[in-house]
Amino acid sequence: MKYKLGAPLRNIRNSRNQTIKEVASKAGVSSSLLSQIERNRISPSLDTLFQILEVYGVAPNKFFKDYEVSSRVEIIKNNKRQAYERKGFKYEKLCGVSQVKGKYSFNAFFMELAPGNERGNFEDGHIGRELGIVVAGKAQLIYGEDTYELSRGDSVSFFSQIPHVLRNNSREVFQAYWIVTPADGEDYFGDKT
């Protein structure tokens, strides 16, 4: 088997806290078949794969983005970065288009959070991991039920599945480099305002 689909399918199922039996029933396949697919014992037909992806709510193009084989070096010049400004929040994309696709994708940003503002979601997290490196200012990371103080020179990393919010309670602008993986097109910094 050149392309092993089992692990990605199992990871999606586990991230949704579903059992093989639940998914198999919704997809109209046997639990045994789904188990064999997840263990790479057999390859699913396209119909079966699409039925499973439909249960997960994952579009086929998103699922198959990890199987791209092209690669290139991309340089983003300082004055050519895509910049986004929102109410009390600004970020600049640091990585090229090819880095936000594929199995080992990531998004990297330089971000600024104005005093009295926050970004994130108290109700929901997302799949992946994050790494932040603080270059100026102070902020709080509210991660689930816990609160962490961040200041210049600190780095922070965490699993993104836990709801999290970055809040600037100080009187100065908070600045950090932020990396999120995997990059799946999700806007990690909240709705545009």
Protein backbone atom coordinates (compact mmCIF):
# COMPACT_ATOMS: atom_id res chain seq x y z
CA MET A 1 0.00 0.00 0.00
CA LYS A 2 1.69 3.21 -1.16
CA TYR A 3 -0.77 5.60 0.53
CA LYS A 4 -1.74 4.64 4.07
CA LEU A 5 -5.06 6.24 4.96
CA GLY A 6 -5.62 4.40 8.24
CA ALA A 7 -3.79 6.68 10.67
CA PRO A 8 -5.33 9.93 9.41
CA LEU A 9 -8.82 8.39 9.53
CA ARG A 10 -8.22 7.02 13.04
CA ASN A 11 -6.87 10.42 14.19
CA ILE A 12 -9.99 12.17 12.93
CA ARG A 13 -12.24 9.63 14.66
CA ASN A 14 -10.31 9.89 17.93
CA SER A 15 -10.36 13.70 17.83
CA ARG A 16 -14.16 13.50 17.65
CA ASN A 17 -14.34 10.95 20.50
CA GLN A 18 -16.26 8.47 18.36
CA THR A 19 -16.01 4.69 18.48
CA ILE A 20 -15.40 2.49 15.46
CA LYS A 21 -18.90 1.07 15.93
CA GLU A 22 -20.53 4.55 15.89
CA VAL A 23 -18.71 5.67 12.75
CA ALA A 24 -19.22 2.37 10.94
CA SER A 25 -22.96 2.46 11.65
CA LYS A 26 -23.33 6.04 10.37
CA ALA A 27 -21.18 5.30 7.29
CA GLY A 28 -23.10 2.12 6.45
CA VAL A 29 -20.08 -0.18 6.70
CA SER A 30 -19.13 -2.92 9.14
CA SER A 31 -17.02 -2.23 12.24
CA SER A 32 -14.62 -4.91 11.04
CA LEU A 33 -14.12 -3.15 7.70
CA LEU A 34 -13.47 0.22 9.36
CA SER A 35 -11.03 -1.39 11.80
CA GLN A 36 -9.11 -3.00 8.92
CA ILE A 37 -9.00 0.32 7.06
CA GLU A 38 -7.66 2.13 10.14
CA ARG A 39 -4.96 -0.54 10.58
CA ASN A 40 -4.01 -0.31 6.85
CA ARG A 41 -4.92 -3.95 6.31
CA ILE A 42 -7.07 -2.95 3.34
CA SER A 43 -7.62 0.17 1.26
CA PRO A 44 -11.17 1.51 1.16
CA SER A 45 -13.02 2.00 -2.09
CA LEU A 46 -13.62 5.65 -2.98
CA ASP A 47 -17.31 5.24 -2.12
CA THR A 48 -16.48 3.85 1.33
CA LEU A 49 -13.85 6.51 1.98
CA PHE A 50 -16.27 9.29 1.00
CA GLN A 51 -18.97 7.79 3.27
CA ILE A 52 -16.54 7.80 6.21
CA LEU A 53 -15.38 11.36 5.48
CA GLU A 54 -19.02 12.47 5.27
CA VAL A 55 -19.63 11.10 8.79
CA TYR A 56 -16.64 13.15 10.00
CA GLY A 57 -17.75 16.25 8.11
CA VAL A 58 -14.39 16.43 6.33
CA ALA A 59 -14.29 17.42 2.67
CA PRO A 60 -12.23 15.06 0.48
CA ASN A 61 -9.98 17.91 -0.71
CA LYS A 62 -9.10 18.72 2.93
CA PHE A 63 -8.41 15.07 3.69
CA PHE A 64 -6.17 14.60 0.65
CA LYS A 65 -4.20 17.83 1.10
CA ASP A 66 -1.67 15.80 3.12
CA TYR A 67 -0.73 13.81 0.04
CA GLU A 68 0.70 16.65 -2.03
CA VAL A 69 4.19 15.89 -3.26
CA SER A 70 5.50 19.22 -4.54
CA SER A 71 7.69 21.50 -2.45
CA ARG A 72 9.49 24.80 -2.85
CA VAL A 73 11.29 27.47 -0.88
CA GLU A 74 9.23 30.62 -0.37
CA ILE A 75 10.63 33.88 0.93
CA ILE A 76 8.25 36.49 2.26
CA LYS A 77 9.98 39.86 2.22
CA ASN A 78 9.42 42.05 5.27
CA ASN A 79 7.50 44.71 3.33
CA LYS A 80 5.49 42.12 1.35
CA ARG A 81 3.81 40.23 4.20
CA GLN A 82 0.04 39.84 4.11
CA ALA A 83 -1.21 41.96 7.00
CA TYR A 84 -4.64 41.74 8.60
CA GLU A 85 -6.04 44.30 10.98
CA ARG A 86 -9.10 43.79 13.11
CA LYS A 87 -10.50 45.59 16.10
CA GLY A 88 -7.61 45.72 18.56
CA PHE A 89 -5.69 43.02 16.74
CA LYS A 90 -3.17 42.86 13.92
CA TYR A 91 -1.23 39.98 12.43
CA GLU A 92 1.13 39.40 9.53
CA LYS A 93 1.55 36.04 7.83
CA LEU A 94 5.14 34.82 7.92
CA CYS A 95 4.98 31.62 5.87
CA GLY A 96 4.35 30.92 2.22
CA VAL A 97 1.42 29.18 0.59
CA SER A 98 3.20 25.81 0.31
CA GLN A 99 3.67 25.61 4.11
CA VAL A 100 -0.05 25.78 4.85
CA LYS A 101 -0.73 22.61 2.87
CA GLY A 102 0.11 18.99 3.41
CA LYS A 103 0.80 16.57 6.21
CA TYR A 104 3.23 18.75 8.15
CA SER A 105 1.53 22.08 7.48
CA PHE A 106 1.75 25.11 9.74
CA ASN A 107 0.79 28.77 9.88
CA ALA A 108 3.18 31.36 11.31
CA PHE A 109 2.28 34.93 12.26
CA PHE A 110 3.68 38.05 13.83
CA MET A 111 0.85 39.37 15.95
CA GLU A 112 -0.06 42.47 17.92
CA LEU A 113 -2.84 42.62 20.48
CA ALA A 114 -3.86 46.10 21.67
CA PRO A 115 -4.42 46.85 25.37
CA GLY A 116 -7.81 45.67 26.63
CA ASN A 117 -8.36 43.23 23.76
CA GLU A 118 -8.50 39.46 23.52
CA ARG A 119 -8.51 36.77 20.83
CA GLY A 120 -9.64 33.17 20.97
CA ASN A 121 -12.68 31.21 22.07
CA PHE A 122 -13.81 30.28 25.59
CA GLU A 123 -16.19 27.61 24.24
CA ASP A 124 -14.21 25.69 21.65
CA GLY A 125 -10.68 24.70 20.67
CA HIS A 126 -9.39 23.26 17.41
CA ILE A 127 -7.21 20.37 16.33
CA GLY A 128 -3.48 20.97 16.57
CA ARG A 129 -0.75 22.63 18.57
CA GLU A 130 0.46 26.18 19.05
CA LEU A 131 3.73 27.85 19.91
CA GLY A 132 4.05 31.51 20.85
CA ILE A 133 7.20 33.57 21.47
CA VAL A 134 6.58 36.90 23.21
CA VAL A 135 8.70 39.81 21.96
CA ALA A 136 6.97 42.75 23.71
CA GLY A 137 4.30 43.45 26.30
CA LYS A 138 2.31 41.20 28.60
CA ALA A 139 -0.80 39.06 28.19
CA GLN A 140 -2.75 36.28 29.83
CA LEU A 141 -3.37 32.92 28.23
CA ILE A 142 -6.66 31.52 29.51
CA TYR A 143 -6.39 27.81 28.74
CA GLY A 144 -9.45 25.85 29.83
CA GLU A 145 -9.82 26.64 33.55
CA ASP A 146 -6.23 27.85 34.02
CA THR A 147 -4.67 31.29 33.46
CA TYR A 148 -1.00 31.84 32.58
CA GLU A 149 0.90 35.15 32.59
CA LEU A 150 3.06 35.81 29.53
CA SER A 151 5.70 38.53 29.21
CA ARG A 152 8.60 39.54 26.98
CA GLY A 153 11.02 36.66 26.35
CA ASP A 154 8.55 33.91 27.32
CA SER A 155 7.58 31.10 25.01
CA VAL A 156 4.42 29.05 25.38
CA SER A 157 3.23 25.87 23.68
CA PHE A 158 0.05 23.87 24.06
CA PHE A 159 -2.45 21.51 22.47
CA SER A 160 -5.13 23.59 20.76
CA GLN A 161 -8.08 21.27 21.47
CA ILE A 162 -8.64 22.96 24.85
CA PRO A 163 -10.58 26.25 24.53
CA HIS A 164 -8.12 29.12 24.84
CA VAL A 165 -8.06 32.92 24.80
CA LEU A 166 -5.17 35.36 24.67
CA ARG A 167 -6.03 38.53 26.63
CA ASN A 168 -4.04 41.77 26.91
CA ASN A 169 -4.88 43.32 30.31
CA SER A 170 -1.85 45.62 30.24
CA ARG A 171 -1.44 49.20 29.02
CA GLU A 172 1.00 48.31 26.25
CA VAL A 173 0.76 46.46 22.95
CA PHE A 174 1.42 42.72 23.20
CA GLN A 175 3.60 41.37 20.36
CA ALA A 176 4.48 37.76 19.63
CA TYR A 177 5.47 35.31 16.96
CA TRP A 178 2.82 32.58 16.79
CA ILE A 179 2.91 29.20 15.06
CA VAL A 180 -0.11 26.94 14.62
CA THR A 181 -0.10 23.41 13.25
CA PRO A 182 -1.72 21.90 11.30
CA ALA A 183 -2.75 24.69 8.98
CA ASP A 184 -6.15 23.83 7.59
CA GLY A 185 -7.43 27.23 6.51
CA GLU A 186 -9.06 27.90 9.86
CA ASP A 187 -8.88 31.46 11.16
CA TYR A 188 -7.21 30.94 14.53
CA PHE A 189 -7.63 34.55 15.58
CA GLY A 190 -11.40 34.99 15.50
CA ASP A 191 -13.93 36.55 13.20
CA LYS A 192 -13.05 39.56 11.12
CA THR A 193 -14.32 42.77 12.68
